[in-house]
Amino acid sequence: MIENRKSPRHKVFKAGTIEFNRAGGIDCTVRNISDGGACLEVASPLGIPLVFDLHIPSDHTVRNCHLVWKAERRIGVAFH
């Protein structure tokens, strides 16, 4: 498989929250991350909006994201 990433991804296992509409959030686990995006594991991809903020408390980071792909319990996002 050919990788089309602009920057290398790093395998991680970090707690995160998908935040949108200031109405709480959806818990997720960040499985890998790069300068351009991340792969997230969620209980269900249903109800996840196309654009949201990803909060990673352990890194003190909030990144604006858009949904690129979803497959079963994993979603791929690109950072804005």
PDB file of N, CA and C in Angstrom:
ATOM      1  N   MET A   1       0.834  -1.173   0.000  1.00  0.00           N
ATOM      2  CA  MET A   1       0.000   0.000   0.000  1.00  0.00           C
ATOM      3  C   MET A   1       0.885   1.245   0.000  1.00  0.00           C
ATOM      4  N   ILE A   2       0.571   2.209  -0.815  1.00  0.00           N
ATOM      5  CA  ILE A   2       1.336   3.450  -0.906  1.00  0.00           C
ATOM      6  C   ILE A   2       0.718   4.489   0.016  1.00  0.00           C
ATOM      7  N   GLU A   3       1.549   5.079   0.873  1.00  0.00           N
ATOM      8  CA  GLU A   3       1.098   6.136   1.772  1.00  0.00           C
ATOM      9  C   GLU A   3       1.171   7.472   1.047  1.00  0.00           C
ATOM     10  N   ASN A   4       0.108   8.249   1.119  1.00  0.00           N
ATOM     11  CA  ASN A   4       0.068   9.563   0.484  1.00  0.00           C
ATOM     12  C   ASN A   4       0.110  10.682   1.515  1.00  0.00           C
ATOM     13  N   ARG A   5       0.746  10.450   2.630  1.00  0.00           N
ATOM     14  CA  ARG A   5       0.796  11.441   3.699  1.00  0.00           C
ATOM     15  C   ARG A   5       1.926  12.431   3.463  1.00  0.00           C
ATOM     16  N   LYS A   6       1.675  13.679   3.856  1.00  0.00           N
ATOM     17  CA  LYS A   6       2.696  14.716   3.731  1.00  0.00           C
ATOM     18  C   LYS A   6       3.668  14.673   4.898  1.00  0.00           C
ATOM     19  N   SER A   7       3.242  14.089   6.023  1.00  0.00           N
ATOM     20  CA  SER A   7       4.110  13.967   7.188  1.00  0.00           C
ATOM     21  C   SER A   7       3.896  12.589   7.817  1.00  0.00           C
ATOM     22  N   PRO A   8       4.923  12.042   8.474  1.00  0.00           N
ATOM     23  CA  PRO A   8       4.806  10.697   9.036  1.00  0.00           C
ATOM     24  C   PRO A   8       3.805  10.644  10.187  1.00  0.00           C
ATOM     25  N   ARG A   9       3.149   9.500  10.330  1.00  0.00           N
ATOM     26  CA  ARG A   9       2.220   9.335  11.444  1.00  0.00           C
ATOM     27  C   ARG A   9       2.933   8.617  12.580  1.00  0.00           C
ATOM     28  N   HIS A  10       2.459   8.864  13.785  1.00  0.00           N
ATOM     29  CA  HIS A  10       3.046   8.273  14.982  1.00  0.00           C
ATOM     30  C   HIS A  10       1.957   7.509  15.721  1.00  0.00           C
ATOM     31  N   LYS A  11       2.229   6.242  16.024  1.00  0.00           N
ATOM     32  CA  LYS A  11       1.264   5.446  16.780  1.00  0.00           C
ATOM     33  C   LYS A  11       1.212   5.971  18.209  1.00  0.00           C
ATOM     34  N   VAL A  12      -0.001   6.186  18.689  1.00  0.00           N
ATOM     35  CA  VAL A  12      -0.219   6.664  20.050  1.00  0.00           C
ATOM     36  C   VAL A  12      -1.448   5.956  20.618  1.00  0.00           C
ATOM     37  N   PHE A  13      -1.684   6.147  21.875  1.00  0.00           N
ATOM     38  CA  PHE A  13      -2.887   5.632  22.534  1.00  0.00           C
ATOM     39  C   PHE A  13      -3.276   6.682  23.563  1.00  0.00           C
ATOM     40  N   LYS A  14      -4.002   7.715  23.092  1.00  0.00           N
ATOM     41  CA  LYS A  14      -4.332   8.856  23.942  1.00  0.00           C
ATOM     42  C   LYS A  14      -5.837   9.074  23.976  1.00  0.00           C
ATOM     43  N   ALA A  15      -6.324   9.449  25.144  1.00  0.00           N
ATOM     44  CA  ALA A  15      -7.737   9.796  25.284  1.00  0.00           C
ATOM     45  C   ALA A  15      -7.990  11.135  24.607  1.00  0.00           C
ATOM     46  N   GLY A  16      -9.140  11.238  23.955  1.00  0.00           N
ATOM     47  CA  GLY A  16      -9.530  12.483  23.313  1.00  0.00           C
ATOM     48  C   GLY A  16     -11.032  12.673  23.385  1.00  0.00           C
ATOM     49  N   THR A  17     -11.466  13.874  23.002  1.00  0.00           N
ATOM     50  CA  THR A  17     -12.889  14.179  22.944  1.00  0.00           C
ATOM     51  C   THR A  17     -13.187  14.893  21.639  1.00  0.00           C
ATOM     52  N   ILE A  18     -14.200  14.429  20.935  1.00  0.00           N
ATOM     53  CA  ILE A  18     -14.703  15.088  19.729  1.00  0.00           C
ATOM     54  C   ILE A  18     -15.733  16.098  20.210  1.00  0.00           C
ATOM     55  N   GLU A  19     -15.440  17.401  20.009  1.00  0.00           N
ATOM     56  CA  GLU A  19     -16.297  18.462  20.530  1.00  0.00           C
ATOM     57  C   GLU A  19     -16.947  19.220  19.388  1.00  0.00           C
ATOM     58  N   PHE A  20     -18.252  19.497  19.544  1.00  0.00           N
ATOM     59  CA  PHE A  20     -18.986  20.263  18.535  1.00  0.00           C
ATOM     60  C   PHE A  20     -20.231  20.867  19.169  1.00  0.00           C
ATOM     61  N   ASN A  21     -20.674  21.974  18.644  1.00  0.00           N
ATOM     62  CA  ASN A  21     -21.907  22.653  19.077  1.00  0.00           C
ATOM     63  C   ASN A  21     -21.949  22.978  20.562  1.00  0.00           C
ATOM     64  N   ARG A  22     -20.820  23.008  21.219  1.00  0.00           N
ATOM     65  CA  ARG A  22     -20.756  23.326  22.646  1.00  0.00           C
ATOM     66  C   ARG A  22     -21.765  22.525  23.461  1.00  0.00           C
ATOM     67  N   ALA A  23     -22.081  21.335  22.988  1.00  0.00           N
ATOM     68  CA  ALA A  23     -23.081  20.497  23.658  1.00  0.00           C
ATOM     69  C   ALA A  23     -22.448  19.219  24.184  1.00  0.00           C
ATOM     70  N   GLY A  24     -21.298  19.332  24.798  1.00  0.00           N
ATOM     71  CA  GLY A  24     -20.621  18.140  25.279  1.00  0.00           C
ATOM     72  C   GLY A  24     -19.729  17.571  24.195  1.00  0.00           C
ATOM     73  N   GLY A  25     -19.463  16.291  24.278  1.00  0.00           N
ATOM     74  CA  GLY A  25     -18.579  15.696  23.294  1.00  0.00           C
ATOM     75  C   GLY A  25     -18.715  14.191  23.249  1.00  0.00           C
ATOM     76  N   ILE A  26     -17.942  13.605  22.354  1.00  0.00           N
ATOM     77  CA  ILE A  26     -17.908  12.160  22.168  1.00  0.00           C
ATOM     78  C   ILE A  26     -16.498  11.695  22.504  1.00  0.00           C
ATOM     79  N   ASP A  27     -16.385  10.766  23.437  1.00  0.00           N
ATOM     80  CA  ASP A  27     -15.079  10.229  23.801  1.00  0.00           C
ATOM     81  C   ASP A  27     -14.486   9.446  22.641  1.00  0.00           C
ATOM     82  N   CYS A  28     -13.171   9.532  22.511  1.00  0.00           N
ATOM     83  CA  CYS A  28     -12.465   8.779  21.473  1.00  0.00           C
ATOM     84  C   CYS A  28     -11.074   8.431  21.975  1.00  0.00           C
ATOM     85  N   THR A  29     -10.413   7.555  21.238  1.00  0.00           N
ATOM     86  CA  THR A  29      -9.011   7.229  21.483  1.00  0.00           C
ATOM     87  C   THR A  29      -8.238   7.570  20.225  1.00  0.00           C
ATOM     88  N   VAL A  30      -7.198   8.386  20.377  1.00  0.00           N
ATOM     89  CA  VAL A  30      -6.334   8.728  19.248  1.00  0.00           C
ATOM     90  C   VAL A  30      -5.387   7.552  19.056  1.00  0.00           C
ATOM     91  N   ARG A  31      -5.443   6.916  17.883  1.00  0.00           N
ATOM     92  CA  ARG A  31      -4.633   5.724  17.609  1.00  0.00           C
ATOM     93  C   ARG A  31      -3.349   6.050  16.862  1.00  0.00           C
ATOM     94  N   ASN A  32      -3.406   7.055  15.975  1.00  0.00           N
ATOM     95  CA  ASN A  32      -2.184   7.571  15.364  1.00  0.00           C
ATOM     96  C   ASN A  32      -2.418   9.022  15.011  1.00  0.00           C
ATOM     97  N   ILE A  33      -1.299   9.757  14.877  1.00  0.00           N
ATOM     98  CA  ILE A  33      -1.399  11.190  14.635  1.00  0.00           C
ATOM     99  C   ILE A  33      -0.208  11.647  13.811  1.00  0.00           C
ATOM    100  N   SER A  34      -0.429  12.658  12.989  1.00  0.00           N
ATOM    101  CA  SER A  34       0.638  13.285  12.214  1.00  0.00           C
ATOM    102  C   SER A  34       0.388  14.787  12.236  1.00  0.00           C
ATOM    103  N   ASP A  35       1.245  15.540  11.579  1.00  0.00           N
ATOM    104  CA  ASP A  35       1.033  16.987  11.498  1.00  0.00           C
ATOM    105  C   ASP A  35      -0.263  17.315  10.765  1.00  0.00           C
ATOM    106  N   GLY A  36      -0.688  16.432   9.865  1.00  0.00           N
ATOM    107  CA  GLY A  36      -1.848  16.718   9.029  1.00  0.00           C
ATOM    108  C   GLY A  36      -3.158  16.098   9.449  1.00  0.00           C
ATOM    109  N   GLY A  37      -3.133  15.116  10.390  1.00  0.00           N
ATOM    110  CA  GLY A  37      -4.387  14.476  10.762  1.00  0.00           C
ATOM    111  C   GLY A  37      -4.191  13.371  11.775  1.00  0.00           C
ATOM    112  N   ALA A  38      -5.257  12.577  11.956  1.00  0.00           N
ATOM    113  CA  ALA A  38      -5.220  11.528  12.971  1.00  0.00           C
ATOM    114  C   ALA A  38      -6.218  10.429  12.632  1.00  0.00           C
ATOM    115  N   CYS A  39      -6.012   9.284  13.254  1.00  0.00           N
ATOM    116  CA  CYS A  39      -6.970   8.182  13.218  1.00  0.00           C
ATOM    117  C   CYS A  39      -7.529   8.054  14.628  1.00  0.00           C
ATOM    118  N   LEU A  40      -8.859   8.073  14.724  1.00  0.00           N
ATOM    119  CA  LEU A  40      -9.531   8.024  16.012  1.00  0.00           C
ATOM    120  C   LEU A  40     -10.380   6.766  16.108  1.00  0.00           C
ATOM    121  N   GLU A  41     -10.440   6.196  17.289  1.00  0.00           N
ATOM    122  CA  GLU A  41     -11.333   5.068  17.542  1.00  0.00           C
ATOM    123  C   GLU A  41     -12.491   5.574  18.393  1.00  0.00           C
ATOM    124  N   VAL A  42     -13.706   5.241  17.982  1.00  0.00           N
ATOM    125  CA  VAL A  42     -14.917   5.696  18.667  1.00  0.00           C
ATOM    126  C   VAL A  42     -15.838   4.501  18.922  1.00  0.00           C
ATOM    127  N   ALA A  43     -16.769   4.658  19.853  1.00  0.00           N
ATOM    128  CA  ALA A  43     -17.738   3.590  20.104  1.00  0.00           C
ATOM    129  C   ALA A  43     -18.605   3.361  18.875  1.00  0.00           C
ATOM    130  N   SER A  44     -18.974   4.458  18.195  1.00  0.00           N
ATOM    131  CA  SER A  44     -19.764   4.390  16.967  1.00  0.00           C
ATOM    132  C   SER A  44     -19.522   5.663  16.171  1.00  0.00           C
ATOM    133  N   PRO A  45     -19.347   5.565  14.856  1.00  0.00           N
ATOM    134  CA  PRO A  45     -19.151   6.776  14.057  1.00  0.00           C
ATOM    135  C   PRO A  45     -20.452   7.532  13.782  1.00  0.00           C
ATOM    136  N   LEU A  46     -21.589   6.965  14.174  1.00  0.00           N
ATOM    137  CA  LEU A  46     -22.870   7.627  13.945  1.00  0.00           C
ATOM    138  C   LEU A  46     -22.961   8.911  14.764  1.00  0.00           C
ATOM    139  N   GLY A  47     -23.412   9.970  14.136  1.00  0.00           N
ATOM    140  CA  GLY A  47     -23.596  11.237  14.829  1.00  0.00           C
ATOM    141  C   GLY A  47     -22.374  12.120  14.873  1.00  0.00           C
ATOM    142  N   ILE A  48     -21.258  11.651  14.336  1.00  0.00           N
ATOM    143  CA  ILE A  48     -20.061  12.491  14.311  1.00  0.00           C
ATOM    144  C   ILE A  48     -20.175  13.447  13.127  1.00  0.00           C
ATOM    145  N   PRO A  49     -20.074  14.751  13.382  1.00  0.00           N
ATOM    146  CA  PRO A  49     -20.244  15.729  12.301  1.00  0.00           C
ATOM    147  C   PRO A  49     -19.045  15.758  11.357  1.00  0.00           C
ATOM    148  N   LEU A  50     -19.204  16.435  10.236  1.00  0.00           N
ATOM    149  CA  LEU A  50     -18.121  16.544   9.252  1.00  0.00           C
ATOM    150  C   LEU A  50     -16.989  17.438   9.739  1.00  0.00           C
ATOM    151  N   VAL A  51     -17.307  18.430  10.576  1.00  0.00           N
ATOM    152  CA  VAL A  51     -16.301  19.356  11.105  1.00  0.00           C
ATOM    153  C   VAL A  51     -16.464  19.416  12.621  1.00  0.00           C
ATOM    154  N   PHE A  52     -15.350  19.337  13.353  1.00  0.00           N
ATOM    155  CA  PHE A  52     -15.398  19.366  14.816  1.00  0.00           C
ATOM    156  C   PHE A  52     -14.020  19.698  15.363  1.00  0.00           C
ATOM    157  N   ASP A  53     -13.947  19.897  16.682  1.00  0.00           N
ATOM    158  CA  ASP A  53     -12.675  20.099  17.367  1.00  0.00           C
ATOM    159  C   ASP A  53     -12.284  18.806  18.068  1.00  0.00           C
ATOM    160  N   LEU A  54     -11.008  18.445  17.971  1.00  0.00           N
ATOM    161  CA  LEU A  54     -10.464  17.290  18.679  1.00  0.00           C
ATOM    162  C   LEU A  54      -9.664  17.810  19.862  1.00  0.00           C
ATOM    163  N   HIS A  55     -10.095  17.459  21.066  1.00  0.00           N
ATOM    164  CA  HIS A  55      -9.405  17.869  22.283  1.00  0.00           C
ATOM    165  C   HIS A  55      -8.609  16.681  22.806  1.00  0.00           C
ATOM    166  N   ILE A  56      -7.302  16.880  22.979  1.00  0.00           N
ATOM    167  CA  ILE A  56      -6.422  15.846  23.533  1.00  0.00           C
ATOM    168  C   ILE A  56      -5.852  16.403  24.834  1.00  0.00           C
ATOM    169  N   PRO A  57      -6.477  16.090  25.975  1.00  0.00           N
ATOM    170  CA  PRO A  57      -6.067  16.688  27.249  1.00  0.00           C
ATOM    171  C   PRO A  57      -4.604  16.447  27.623  1.00  0.00           C
ATOM    172  N   SER A  58      -4.072  15.260  27.366  1.00  0.00           N
ATOM    173  CA  SER A  58      -2.691  14.962  27.766  1.00  0.00           C
ATOM    174  C   SER A  58      -1.673  15.833  27.042  1.00  0.00           C
ATOM    175  N   ASP A  59      -2.041  16.340  25.866  1.00  0.00           N
ATOM    176  CA  ASP A  59      -1.155  17.225  25.099  1.00  0.00           C
ATOM    177  C   ASP A  59      -1.541  18.692  25.249  1.00  0.00           C
ATOM    178  N   HIS A  60      -2.604  18.968  26.001  1.00  0.00           N
ATOM    179  CA  HIS A  60      -3.143  20.336  26.124  1.00  0.00           C
ATOM    180  C   HIS A  60      -3.405  20.917  24.741  1.00  0.00           C
ATOM    181  N   THR A  61      -4.037  20.108  23.876  1.00  0.00           N
ATOM    182  CA  THR A  61      -4.222  20.460  22.470  1.00  0.00           C
ATOM    183  C   THR A  61      -5.688  20.412  22.074  1.00  0.00           C
ATOM    184  N   VAL A  62      -6.097  21.390  21.260  1.00  0.00           N
ATOM    185  CA  VAL A  62      -7.392  21.368  20.587  1.00  0.00           C
ATOM    186  C   VAL A  62      -7.118  21.655  19.119  1.00  0.00           C
ATOM    187  N   ARG A  63      -7.528  20.740  18.246  1.00  0.00           N
ATOM    188  CA  ARG A  63      -7.306  20.902  16.801  1.00  0.00           C
ATOM    189  C   ARG A  63      -8.637  20.894  16.073  1.00  0.00           C
ATOM    190  N   ASN A  64      -8.813  21.816  15.126  1.00  0.00           N
ATOM    191  CA  ASN A  64     -10.003  21.823  14.286  1.00  0.00           C
ATOM    192  C   ASN A  64      -9.810  20.758  13.216  1.00  0.00           C
ATOM    193  N   CYS A  65     -10.819  19.906  13.014  1.00  0.00           N
ATOM    194  CA  CYS A  65     -10.713  18.756  12.115  1.00  0.00           C
ATOM    195  C   CYS A  65     -11.881  18.690  11.150  1.00  0.00           C
ATOM    196  N   HIS A  66     -11.663  17.964  10.062  1.00  0.00           N
ATOM    197  CA  HIS A  66     -12.795  17.541   9.238  1.00  0.00           C
ATOM    198  C   HIS A  66     -12.650  16.046   8.959  1.00  0.00           C
ATOM    199  N   LEU A  67     -13.802  15.397   8.886  1.00  0.00           N
ATOM    200  CA  LEU A  67     -13.874  13.954   8.687  1.00  0.00           C
ATOM    201  C   LEU A  67     -13.466  13.607   7.261  1.00  0.00           C
ATOM    202  N   VAL A  68     -12.547  12.650   7.124  1.00  0.00           N
ATOM    203  CA  VAL A  68     -12.072  12.220   5.805  1.00  0.00           C
ATOM    204  C   VAL A  68     -12.625  10.843   5.453  1.00  0.00           C
ATOM    205  N   TRP A  69     -12.612   9.928   6.417  1.00  0.00           N
ATOM    206  CA  TRP A  69     -13.125   8.584   6.166  1.00  0.00           C
ATOM    207  C   TRP A  69     -13.624   7.977   7.472  1.00  0.00           C
ATOM    208  N   LYS A  70     -14.443   6.928   7.345  1.00  0.00           N
ATOM    209  CA  LYS A  70     -14.857   6.159   8.514  1.00  0.00           C
ATOM    210  C   LYS A  70     -15.007   4.700   8.118  1.00  0.00           C
ATOM    211  N   ALA A  71     -14.637   3.816   9.039  1.00  0.00           N
ATOM    212  CA  ALA A  71     -14.714   2.371   8.824  1.00  0.00           C
ATOM    213  C   ALA A  71     -14.926   1.710  10.179  1.00  0.00           C
ATOM    214  N   GLU A  72     -16.104   1.136  10.353  1.00  0.00           N
ATOM    215  CA  GLU A  72     -16.479   0.489  11.608  1.00  0.00           C
ATOM    216  C   GLU A  72     -16.299   1.455  12.771  1.00  0.00           C
ATOM    217  N   ARG A  73     -15.353   1.204  13.663  1.00  0.00           N
ATOM    218  CA  ARG A  73     -15.179   2.044  14.855  1.00  0.00           C
ATOM    219  C   ARG A  73     -14.043   3.049  14.717  1.00  0.00           C
ATOM    220  N   ARG A  74     -13.479   3.173  13.541  1.00  0.00           N
ATOM    221  CA  ARG A  74     -12.373   4.124  13.355  1.00  0.00           C
ATOM    222  C   ARG A  74     -12.753   5.196  12.350  1.00  0.00           C
ATOM    223  N   ILE A  75     -12.245   6.397  12.589  1.00  0.00           N
ATOM    224  CA  ILE A  75     -12.443   7.494  11.648  1.00  0.00           C
ATOM    225  C   ILE A  75     -11.102   8.166  11.395  1.00  0.00           C
ATOM    226  N   GLY A  76     -10.945   8.688  10.194  1.00  0.00           N
ATOM    227  CA  GLY A  76      -9.763   9.448   9.840  1.00  0.00           C
ATOM    228  C   GLY A  76     -10.136  10.909   9.705  1.00  0.00           C
ATOM    229  N   VAL A  77      -9.304  11.778  10.273  1.00  0.00           N
ATOM    230  CA  VAL A  77      -9.567  13.209  10.213  1.00  0.00           C
ATOM    231  C   VAL A  77      -8.345  13.947   9.690  1.00  0.00           C
ATOM    232  N   ALA A  78      -8.591  15.079   9.058  1.00  0.00           N
ATOM    233  CA  ALA A  78      -7.523  15.980   8.634  1.00  0.00           C
ATOM    234  C   ALA A  78      -7.634  17.242   9.472  1.00  0.00           C
ATOM    235  N   PHE A  79      -6.494  17.792   9.858  1.00  0.00           N
ATOM    236  CA  PHE A  79      -6.468  19.029  10.635  1.00  0.00           C
ATOM    237  C   PHE A  79      -6.534  20.230   9.706  1.00  0.00           C
ATOM    238  N   HIS A  80      -7.222  21.278  10.161  1.00  0.00           N
ATOM    239  CA  HIS A  80      -7.286  22.544   9.399  1.00  0.00           C
ATOM    240  C   HIS A  80      -6.132  23.417   9.806  1.00  0.00           C
TER     241      HIS A  80
END
